Amino acid sequence: SLFTSSTAQVALFALVSLMLLPGCSSSPSSTDVNKQTA
């Protein structure tokens, strides 16, 4: 969602989306490996 309003109301600050995590475990399952990749 990109919120906009009048120029006077717009706050030009960083709205940052996630840097999605890679994941792994000591003995990763195939699901966890897929999660790591995704």
PDB file of all heavy atoms in Angstrom:
ATOM      1  N   SER A   1       0.848  -1.188   0.000  1.00  0.00           N
ATOM      2  CA  SER A   1       0.000   0.000   0.000  1.00  0.00           C
ATOM      3  C   SER A   1       0.878   1.231   0.000  1.00  0.00           C
ATOM      4  O   SER A   1       1.733   1.384   0.854  1.00  0.00           O
ATOM      5  CB  SER A   1      -0.915   0.013   1.231  1.00  0.00           C
ATOM      6  OG  SER A   1      -0.171  -0.043   2.412  1.00  0.00           O
ATOM      7  N   LEU A   2       0.679   2.091  -0.983  1.00  0.00           N
ATOM      8  CA  LEU A   2       1.429   3.334  -1.086  1.00  0.00           C
ATOM      9  C   LEU A   2       0.487   4.458  -0.709  1.00  0.00           C
ATOM     10  O   LEU A   2      -0.449   4.754  -1.430  1.00  0.00           O
ATOM     11  CB  LEU A   2       1.938   3.523  -2.513  1.00  0.00           C
ATOM     12  CG  LEU A   2       2.649   4.846  -2.799  1.00  0.00           C
ATOM     13  CD1 LEU A   2       3.877   4.968  -1.920  1.00  0.00           C
ATOM     14  CD2 LEU A   2       3.030   4.935  -4.259  1.00  0.00           C
ATOM     15  N   PHE A   3       0.719   5.056   0.464  1.00  0.00           N
ATOM     16  CA  PHE A   3      -0.183   6.073   0.966  1.00  0.00           C
ATOM     17  C   PHE A   3       0.243   7.417   0.424  1.00  0.00           C
ATOM     18  O   PHE A   3       1.402   7.783   0.507  1.00  0.00           O
ATOM     19  CB  PHE A   3      -0.145   6.118   2.497  1.00  0.00           C
ATOM     20  CG  PHE A   3      -0.470   4.813   3.133  1.00  0.00           C
ATOM     21  CD1 PHE A   3       0.541   4.039   3.691  1.00  0.00           C
ATOM     22  CD2 PHE A   3      -1.768   4.349   3.154  1.00  0.00           C
ATOM     23  CE1 PHE A   3       0.244   2.827   4.272  1.00  0.00           C
ATOM     24  CE2 PHE A   3      -2.066   3.141   3.740  1.00  0.00           C
ATOM     25  CZ  PHE A   3      -1.065   2.380   4.299  1.00  0.00           C
ATOM     26  N   THR A   4      -0.699   8.174  -0.128  1.00  0.00           N
ATOM     27  CA  THR A   4      -0.392   9.499  -0.630  1.00  0.00           C
ATOM     28  C   THR A   4      -1.407  10.485  -0.117  1.00  0.00           C
ATOM     29  O   THR A   4      -2.526  10.145   0.236  1.00  0.00           O
ATOM     30  CB  THR A   4      -0.400   9.530  -2.168  1.00  0.00           C
ATOM     31  OG1 THR A   4      -1.682   9.096  -2.623  1.00  0.00           O
ATOM     32  CG2 THR A   4       0.670   8.626  -2.739  1.00  0.00           C
ATOM     33  N   SER A   5      -1.022  11.744  -0.067  1.00  0.00           N
ATOM     34  CA  SER A   5      -1.917  12.825   0.320  1.00  0.00           C
ATOM     35  C   SER A   5      -1.395  14.079  -0.334  1.00  0.00           C
ATOM     36  O   SER A   5      -0.592  14.024  -1.260  1.00  0.00           O
ATOM     37  CB  SER A   5      -1.961  12.963   1.839  1.00  0.00           C
ATOM     38  OG  SER A   5      -0.690  13.284   2.342  1.00  0.00           O
ATOM     39  N   SER A   6      -1.809  15.231   0.127  1.00  0.00           N
ATOM     40  CA  SER A   6      -1.307  16.479  -0.421  1.00  0.00           C
ATOM     41  C   SER A   6       0.177  16.600  -0.121  1.00  0.00           C
ATOM     42  O   SER A   6       0.707  15.965   0.776  1.00  0.00           O
ATOM     43  CB  SER A   6      -2.057  17.656   0.196  1.00  0.00           C
ATOM     44  OG  SER A   6      -1.758  17.753   1.564  1.00  0.00           O
ATOM     45  N   THR A   7       0.841  17.461  -0.906  1.00  0.00           N
ATOM     46  CA  THR A   7       2.288  17.620  -0.739  1.00  0.00           C
ATOM     47  C   THR A   7       2.643  17.994   0.688  1.00  0.00           C
ATOM     48  O   THR A   7       3.632  17.519   1.242  1.00  0.00           O
ATOM     49  CB  THR A   7       2.801  18.702  -1.701  1.00  0.00           C
ATOM     50  OG1 THR A   7       2.463  18.331  -3.026  1.00  0.00           O
ATOM     51  CG2 THR A   7       4.300  18.882  -1.566  1.00  0.00           C
ATOM     52  N   ALA A   8       1.847  18.826   1.314  1.00  0.00           N
ATOM     53  CA  ALA A   8       2.147  19.269   2.676  1.00  0.00           C
ATOM     54  C   ALA A   8       2.018  18.149   3.678  1.00  0.00           C
ATOM     55  O   ALA A   8       2.590  18.210   4.759  1.00  0.00           O
ATOM     56  CB  ALA A   8       1.212  20.406   3.068  1.00  0.00           C
ATOM     57  N   GLN A   9       1.248  17.115   3.335  1.00  0.00           N
ATOM     58  CA  GLN A   9       0.999  16.040   4.288  1.00  0.00           C
ATOM     59  C   GLN A   9       1.905  14.846   4.088  1.00  0.00           C
ATOM     60  O   GLN A   9       1.939  13.957   4.924  1.00  0.00           O
ATOM     61  CB  GLN A   9      -0.460  15.581   4.159  1.00  0.00           C
ATOM     62  CG  GLN A   9      -1.465  16.573   4.673  1.00  0.00           C
ATOM     63  CD  GLN A   9      -2.871  16.059   4.504  1.00  0.00           C
ATOM     64  OE1 GLN A   9      -3.219  15.485   3.487  1.00  0.00           O
ATOM     65  NE2 GLN A   9      -3.688  16.253   5.511  1.00  0.00           N
ATOM     66  N   VAL A  10       2.634  14.799   3.002  1.00  0.00           N
ATOM     67  CA  VAL A  10       3.415  13.603   2.711  1.00  0.00           C
ATOM     68  C   VAL A  10       4.671  13.561   3.560  1.00  0.00           C
ATOM     69  O   VAL A  10       5.426  14.510   3.596  1.00  0.00           O
ATOM     70  CB  VAL A  10       3.793  13.554   1.216  1.00  0.00           C
ATOM     71  CG1 VAL A  10       4.750  12.402   0.953  1.00  0.00           C
ATOM     72  CG2 VAL A  10       2.540  13.369   0.377  1.00  0.00           C
ATOM     73  N   ALA A  11       4.882  12.456   4.234  1.00  0.00           N
ATOM     74  CA  ALA A  11       6.086  12.287   5.053  1.00  0.00           C
ATOM     75  C   ALA A  11       7.069  11.447   4.263  1.00  0.00           C
ATOM     76  O   ALA A  11       6.835  10.278   4.031  1.00  0.00           O
ATOM     77  CB  ALA A  11       5.739  11.593   6.355  1.00  0.00           C
ATOM     78  N   LEU A  12       8.167  12.059   3.866  1.00  0.00           N
ATOM     79  CA  LEU A  12       9.128  11.360   3.023  1.00  0.00           C
ATOM     80  C   LEU A  12      10.143  10.636   3.890  1.00  0.00           C
ATOM     81  O   LEU A  12      11.315  10.960   3.910  1.00  0.00           O
ATOM     82  CB  LEU A  12       9.821  12.368   2.097  1.00  0.00           C
ATOM     83  CG  LEU A  12       8.890  13.021   1.084  1.00  0.00           C
ATOM     84  CD1 LEU A  12       9.611  14.123   0.345  1.00  0.00           C
ATOM     85  CD2 LEU A  12       8.382  11.995   0.113  1.00  0.00           C
ATOM     86  N   PHE A  13       9.651   9.655   4.622  1.00  0.00           N
ATOM     87  CA  PHE A  13      10.499   8.834   5.461  1.00  0.00           C
ATOM     88  C   PHE A  13      10.515   7.429   4.922  1.00  0.00           C
ATOM     89  O   PHE A  13       9.652   7.030   4.155  1.00  0.00           O
ATOM     90  CB  PHE A  13      10.009   8.837   6.911  1.00  0.00           C
ATOM     91  CG  PHE A  13      10.382  10.078   7.655  1.00  0.00           C
ATOM     92  CD1 PHE A  13       9.631  11.234   7.508  1.00  0.00           C
ATOM     93  CD2 PHE A  13      11.470  10.097   8.487  1.00  0.00           C
ATOM     94  CE1 PHE A  13       9.967  12.377   8.188  1.00  0.00           C
ATOM     95  CE2 PHE A  13      11.803  11.237   9.175  1.00  0.00           C
ATOM     96  CZ  PHE A  13      11.051  12.390   9.022  1.00  0.00           C
ATOM     97  N   ALA A  14      11.489   6.653   5.342  1.00  0.00           N
ATOM     98  CA  ALA A  14      11.617   5.295   4.822  1.00  0.00           C
ATOM     99  C   ALA A  14      10.544   4.401   5.379  1.00  0.00           C
ATOM    100  O   ALA A  14      10.419   4.261   6.572  1.00  0.00           O
ATOM    101  CB  ALA A  14      12.985   4.730   5.197  1.00  0.00           C
ATOM    102  N   LEU A  15       9.759   3.832   4.495  1.00  0.00           N
ATOM    103  CA  LEU A  15       8.879   2.731   4.850  1.00  0.00           C
ATOM    104  C   LEU A  15       9.538   1.517   4.246  1.00  0.00           C
ATOM    105  O   LEU A  15       9.551   1.362   3.040  1.00  0.00           O
ATOM    106  CB  LEU A  15       7.489   2.921   4.249  1.00  0.00           C
ATOM    107  CG  LEU A  15       6.368   3.277   5.207  1.00  0.00           C
ATOM    108  CD1 LEU A  15       5.039   3.217   4.500  1.00  0.00           C
ATOM    109  CD2 LEU A  15       6.368   2.412   6.426  1.00  0.00           C
ATOM    110  N   VAL A  16      10.093   0.677   5.064  1.00  0.00           N
ATOM    111  CA  VAL A  16      10.948  -0.378   4.561  1.00  0.00           C
ATOM    112  C   VAL A  16      10.245  -1.709   4.629  1.00  0.00           C
ATOM    113  O   VAL A  16       9.741  -2.094   5.667  1.00  0.00           O
ATOM    114  CB  VAL A  16      12.251  -0.455   5.381  1.00  0.00           C
ATOM    115  CG1 VAL A  16      13.187  -1.490   4.792  1.00  0.00           C
ATOM    116  CG2 VAL A  16      12.921   0.904   5.392  1.00  0.00           C
ATOM    117  N   SER A  17      10.207  -2.421   3.508  1.00  0.00           N
ATOM    118  CA  SER A  17       9.674  -3.777   3.530  1.00  0.00           C
ATOM    119  C   SER A  17      10.728  -4.720   4.057  1.00  0.00           C
ATOM    120  O   SER A  17      11.879  -4.366   4.205  1.00  0.00           O
ATOM    121  CB  SER A  17       9.248  -4.226   2.138  1.00  0.00           C
ATOM    122  OG  SER A  17      10.379  -4.483   1.353  1.00  0.00           O
ATOM    123  N   LEU A  18      10.317  -5.935   4.367  1.00  0.00           N
ATOM    124  CA  LEU A  18      11.240  -6.871   4.983  1.00  0.00           C
ATOM    125  C   LEU A  18      12.342  -7.302   4.059  1.00  0.00           C
ATOM    126  O   LEU A  18      12.178  -7.422   2.869  1.00  0.00           O
ATOM    127  CB  LEU A  18      10.523  -8.140   5.463  1.00  0.00           C
ATOM    128  CG  LEU A  18      10.152  -9.208   4.442  1.00  0.00           C
ATOM    129  CD1 LEU A  18       9.822 -10.493   5.171  1.00  0.00           C
ATOM    130  CD2 LEU A  18       8.987  -8.775   3.606  1.00  0.00           C
ATOM    131  N   MET A  19      13.497  -7.517   4.696  1.00  0.00           N
ATOM    132  CA  MET A  19      14.544  -8.269   4.045  1.00  0.00           C
ATOM    133  C   MET A  19      14.307  -9.687   4.521  1.00  0.00           C
ATOM    134  O   MET A  19      14.682 -10.057   5.612  1.00  0.00           O
ATOM    135  CB  MET A  19      15.915  -7.775   4.465  1.00  0.00           C
ATOM    136  CG  MET A  19      16.174  -6.352   4.043  1.00  0.00           C
ATOM    137  SD  MET A  19      17.868  -5.890   4.349  1.00  0.00           S
ATOM    138  CE  MET A  19      17.917  -6.084   6.111  1.00  0.00           C
ATOM    139  N   LEU A  20      13.664 -10.464   3.723  1.00  0.00           N
ATOM    140  CA  LEU A  20      13.200 -11.767   4.177  1.00  0.00           C
ATOM    141  C   LEU A  20      14.365 -12.651   4.582  1.00  0.00           C
ATOM    142  O   LEU A  20      15.374 -12.740   3.911  1.00  0.00           O
ATOM    143  CB  LEU A  20      12.389 -12.439   3.062  1.00  0.00           C
ATOM    144  CG  LEU A  20      11.072 -11.738   2.735  1.00  0.00           C
ATOM    145  CD1 LEU A  20      10.444 -12.395   1.530  1.00  0.00           C
ATOM    146  CD2 LEU A  20      10.141 -11.785   3.910  1.00  0.00           C
ATOM    147  N   LEU A  21      14.147 -13.305   5.695  1.00  0.00           N
ATOM    148  CA  LEU A  21      15.225 -14.088   6.301  1.00  0.00           C
ATOM    149  C   LEU A  21      15.526 -15.370   5.555  1.00  0.00           C
ATOM    150  O   LEU A  21      14.632 -16.080   5.154  1.00  0.00           O
ATOM    151  CB  LEU A  21      14.807 -14.506   7.712  1.00  0.00           C
ATOM    152  CG  LEU A  21      14.725 -13.435   8.773  1.00  0.00           C
ATOM    153  CD1 LEU A  21      14.164 -14.058  10.024  1.00  0.00           C
ATOM    154  CD2 LEU A  21      16.079 -12.868   9.033  1.00  0.00           C
ATOM    155  N   PRO A  22      16.794 -15.726   5.432  1.00  0.00           N
ATOM    156  CA  PRO A  22      17.104 -17.099   5.094  1.00  0.00           C
ATOM    157  C   PRO A  22      16.986 -17.922   6.355  1.00  0.00           C
ATOM    158  O   PRO A  22      17.144 -17.402   7.438  1.00  0.00           O
ATOM    159  CB  PRO A  22      18.553 -17.033   4.617  1.00  0.00           C
ATOM    160  CG  PRO A  22      19.104 -15.846   5.298  1.00  0.00           C
ATOM    161  CD  PRO A  22      17.959 -14.885   5.531  1.00  0.00           C
ATOM    162  N   GLY A  23      16.739 -19.183   6.245  1.00  0.00           N
ATOM    163  CA  GLY A  23      16.604 -19.995   7.442  1.00  0.00           C
ATOM    164  C   GLY A  23      17.309 -21.314   7.276  1.00  0.00           C
ATOM    165  O   GLY A  23      17.367 -21.868   6.206  1.00  0.00           O
ATOM    166  N   CYS A  24      17.841 -21.813   8.367  1.00  0.00           N
ATOM    167  CA  CYS A  24      18.399 -23.144   8.365  1.00  0.00           C
ATOM    168  C   CYS A  24      18.390 -23.645   9.792  1.00  0.00           C
ATOM    169  O   CYS A  24      18.171 -22.887  10.717  1.00  0.00           O
ATOM    170  CB  CYS A  24      19.828 -23.166   7.810  1.00  0.00           C
ATOM    171  SG  CYS A  24      21.006 -22.225   8.773  1.00  0.00           S
ATOM    172  N   SER A  25      18.625 -24.900   9.978  1.00  0.00           N
ATOM    173  CA  SER A  25      18.714 -25.463  11.314  1.00  0.00           C
ATOM    174  C   SER A  25      19.881 -26.418  11.333  1.00  0.00           C
ATOM    175  O   SER A  25      20.501 -26.685  10.312  1.00  0.00           O
ATOM    176  CB  SER A  25      17.416 -26.196  11.667  1.00  0.00           C
ATOM    177  OG  SER A  25      17.213 -27.275  10.790  1.00  0.00           O
ATOM    178  N   SER A  26      20.185 -26.948  12.500  1.00  0.00           N
ATOM    179  CA  SER A  26      21.319 -27.848  12.583  1.00  0.00           C
ATOM    180  C   SER A  26      21.105 -29.080  11.733  1.00  0.00           C
ATOM    181  O   SER A  26      22.041 -29.637  11.176  1.00  0.00           O
ATOM    182  CB  SER A  26      21.547 -28.246  14.050  1.00  0.00           C
ATOM    183  OG  SER A  26      20.374 -28.831  14.587  1.00  0.00           O
ATOM    184  N   SER A  27      19.868 -29.527  11.617  1.00  0.00           N
ATOM    185  CA  SER A  27      19.546 -30.642  10.741  1.00  0.00           C
ATOM    186  C   SER A  27      18.316 -30.262   9.930  1.00  0.00           C
ATOM    187  O   SER A  27      17.192 -30.669  10.219  1.00  0.00           O
ATOM    188  CB  SER A  27      19.261 -31.907  11.572  1.00  0.00           C
ATOM    189  OG  SER A  27      20.368 -32.261  12.354  1.00  0.00           O
ATOM    190  N   PRO A  28      18.505 -29.423   8.912  1.00  0.00           N
ATOM    191  CA  PRO A  28      17.360 -28.858   8.221  1.00  0.00           C
ATOM    192  C   PRO A  28      16.582 -29.900   7.450  1.00  0.00           C
ATOM    193  O   PRO A  28      17.149 -30.762   6.796  1.00  0.00           O
ATOM    194  CB  PRO A  28      17.992 -27.826   7.270  1.00  0.00           C
ATOM    195  CG  PRO A  28      19.393 -28.304   7.063  1.00  0.00           C
ATOM    196  CD  PRO A  28      19.788 -28.965   8.352  1.00  0.00           C
ATOM    197  N   SER A  29      15.250 -29.805   7.555  1.00  0.00           N
ATOM    198  CA  SER A  29      14.390 -30.646   6.741  1.00  0.00           C
ATOM    199  C   SER A  29      14.303 -30.039   5.360  1.00  0.00           C
ATOM    200  O   SER A  29      14.762 -28.924   5.111  1.00  0.00           O
ATOM    201  CB  SER A  29      12.994 -30.690   7.363  1.00  0.00           C
ATOM    202  OG  SER A  29      12.398 -29.413   7.306  1.00  0.00           O
ATOM    203  N   SER A  30      13.693 -30.766   4.427  1.00  0.00           N
ATOM    204  CA  SER A  30      13.544 -30.219   3.090  1.00  0.00           C
ATOM    205  C   SER A  30      12.691 -28.964   3.122  1.00  0.00           C
ATOM    206  O   SER A  30      12.909 -28.021   2.360  1.00  0.00           O
ATOM    207  CB  SER A  30      12.906 -31.262   2.165  1.00  0.00           C
ATOM    208  OG  SER A  30      11.633 -31.653   2.650  1.00  0.00           O
ATOM    209  N   THR A  31      11.716 -28.922   4.039  1.00  0.00           N
ATOM    210  CA  THR A  31      10.888 -27.724   4.172  1.00  0.00           C
ATOM    211  C   THR A  31      11.725 -26.540   4.608  1.00  0.00           C
ATOM    212  O   THR A  31      11.590 -25.428   4.084  1.00  0.00           O
ATOM    213  CB  THR A  31       9.768 -27.960   5.201  1.00  0.00           C
ATOM    214  OG1 THR A  31       8.941 -29.030   4.748  1.00  0.00           O
ATOM    215  CG2 THR A  31       8.919 -26.703   5.375  1.00  0.00           C
ATOM    216  N   ASP A  32      12.629 -26.771   5.572  1.00  0.00           N
ATOM    217  CA  ASP A  32      13.475 -25.684   6.049  1.00  0.00           C
ATOM    218  C   ASP A  32      14.457 -25.229   4.982  1.00  0.00           C
ATOM    219  O   ASP A  32      14.765 -24.041   4.872  1.00  0.00           O
ATOM    220  CB  ASP A  32      14.235 -26.115   7.305  1.00  0.00           C
ATOM    221  CG  ASP A  32      13.315 -26.263   8.507  1.00  0.00           C
ATOM    222  OD1 ASP A  32      12.175 -25.783   8.425  1.00  0.00           O
ATOM    223  OD2 ASP A  32      13.730 -26.871   9.499  1.00  0.00           O
ATOM    224  N   VAL A  33      14.963 -26.150   4.186  1.00  0.00           N
ATOM    225  CA  VAL A  33      15.861 -25.772   3.099  1.00  0.00           C
ATOM    226  C   VAL A  33      15.115 -24.912   2.092  1.00  0.00           C
ATOM    227  O   VAL A  33      15.625 -23.900   1.605  1.00  0.00           O
ATOM    228  CB  VAL A  33      16.440 -27.021   2.414  1.00  0.00           C
ATOM    229  CG1 VAL A  33      17.187 -26.622   1.140  1.00  0.00           C
ATOM    230  CG2 VAL A  33      17.391 -27.750   3.352  1.00  0.00           C
ATOM    231  N   ASN A  34      13.872 -25.292   1.783  1.00  0.00           N
ATOM    232  CA  ASN A  34      13.069 -24.485   0.882  1.00  0.00           C
ATOM    233  C   ASN A  34      12.807 -23.106   1.470  1.00  0.00           C
ATOM    234  O   ASN A  34      12.800 -22.097   0.773  1.00  0.00           O
ATOM    235  CB  ASN A  34      11.734 -25.178   0.589  1.00  0.00           C
ATOM    236  CG  ASN A  34      11.912 -26.414  -0.258  1.00  0.00           C
ATOM    237  OD1 ASN A  34      12.896 -26.540  -0.972  1.00  0.00           O
ATOM    238  ND2 ASN A  34      10.959 -27.334  -0.182  1.00  0.00           N
ATOM    239  N   LYS A  35      12.594 -23.079   2.780  1.00  0.00           N
ATOM    240  CA  LYS A  35      12.359 -21.805   3.454  1.00  0.00           C
ATOM    241  C   LYS A  35      13.604 -20.940   3.369  1.00  0.00           C
ATOM    242  O   LYS A  35      13.533 -19.740   3.153  1.00  0.00           O
ATOM    243  CB  LYS A  35      11.970 -22.050   4.914  1.00  0.00           C
ATOM    244  CG  LYS A  35      11.509 -20.800   5.634  1.00  0.00           C
ATOM    245  CD  LYS A  35      11.033 -21.096   7.042  1.00  0.00           C
ATOM    246  CE  LYS A  35       9.826 -22.004   7.039  1.00  0.00           C
ATOM    247  NZ  LYS A  35       9.286 -22.192   8.394  1.00  0.00           N
ATOM    248  N   GLN A  36      14.762 -21.566   3.522  1.00  0.00           N
ATOM    249  CA  GLN A  36      16.008 -20.823   3.419  1.00  0.00           C
ATOM    250  C   GLN A  36      16.128 -20.197   2.045  1.00  0.00           C
ATOM    251  O   GLN A  36      16.465 -19.023   1.904  1.00  0.00           O
ATOM    252  CB  GLN A  36      17.208 -21.739   3.669  1.00  0.00           C
ATOM    253  CG  GLN A  36      18.545 -21.039   3.463  1.00  0.00           C
ATOM    254  CD  GLN A  36      19.707 -21.962   3.729  1.00  0.00           C
ATOM    255  OE1 GLN A  36      19.536 -23.088   4.139  1.00  0.00           O
ATOM    256  NE2 GLN A  36      20.893 -21.480   3.485  1.00  0.00           N
ATOM    257  N   THR A  37      15.849 -20.968   1.007  1.00  0.00           N
ATOM    258  CA  THR A  37      15.974 -20.457  -0.350  1.00  0.00           C
ATOM    259  C   THR A  37      14.984 -19.324  -0.597  1.00  0.00           C
ATOM    260  O   THR A  37      15.321 -18.295  -1.176  1.00  0.00           O
ATOM    261  CB  THR A  37      15.717 -21.583  -1.362  1.00  0.00           C
ATOM    262  OG1 THR A  37      16.662 -22.622  -1.136  1.00  0.00           O
ATOM    263  CG2 THR A  37      15.851 -21.072  -2.787  1.00  0.00           C
ATOM    264  N   ALA A  38      13.749 -19.515  -0.136  1.00  0.00           N
ATOM    265  CA  ALA A  38      12.709 -18.536  -0.406  1.00  0.00           C
ATOM    266  C   ALA A  38      12.874 -17.279   0.414  1.00  0.00           C
ATOM    267  O   ALA A  38      12.397 -16.217   0.020  1.00  0.00           O
ATOM    268  CB  ALA A  38      11.337 -19.148  -0.129  1.00  0.00           C
TER     269      ALA A  38
END
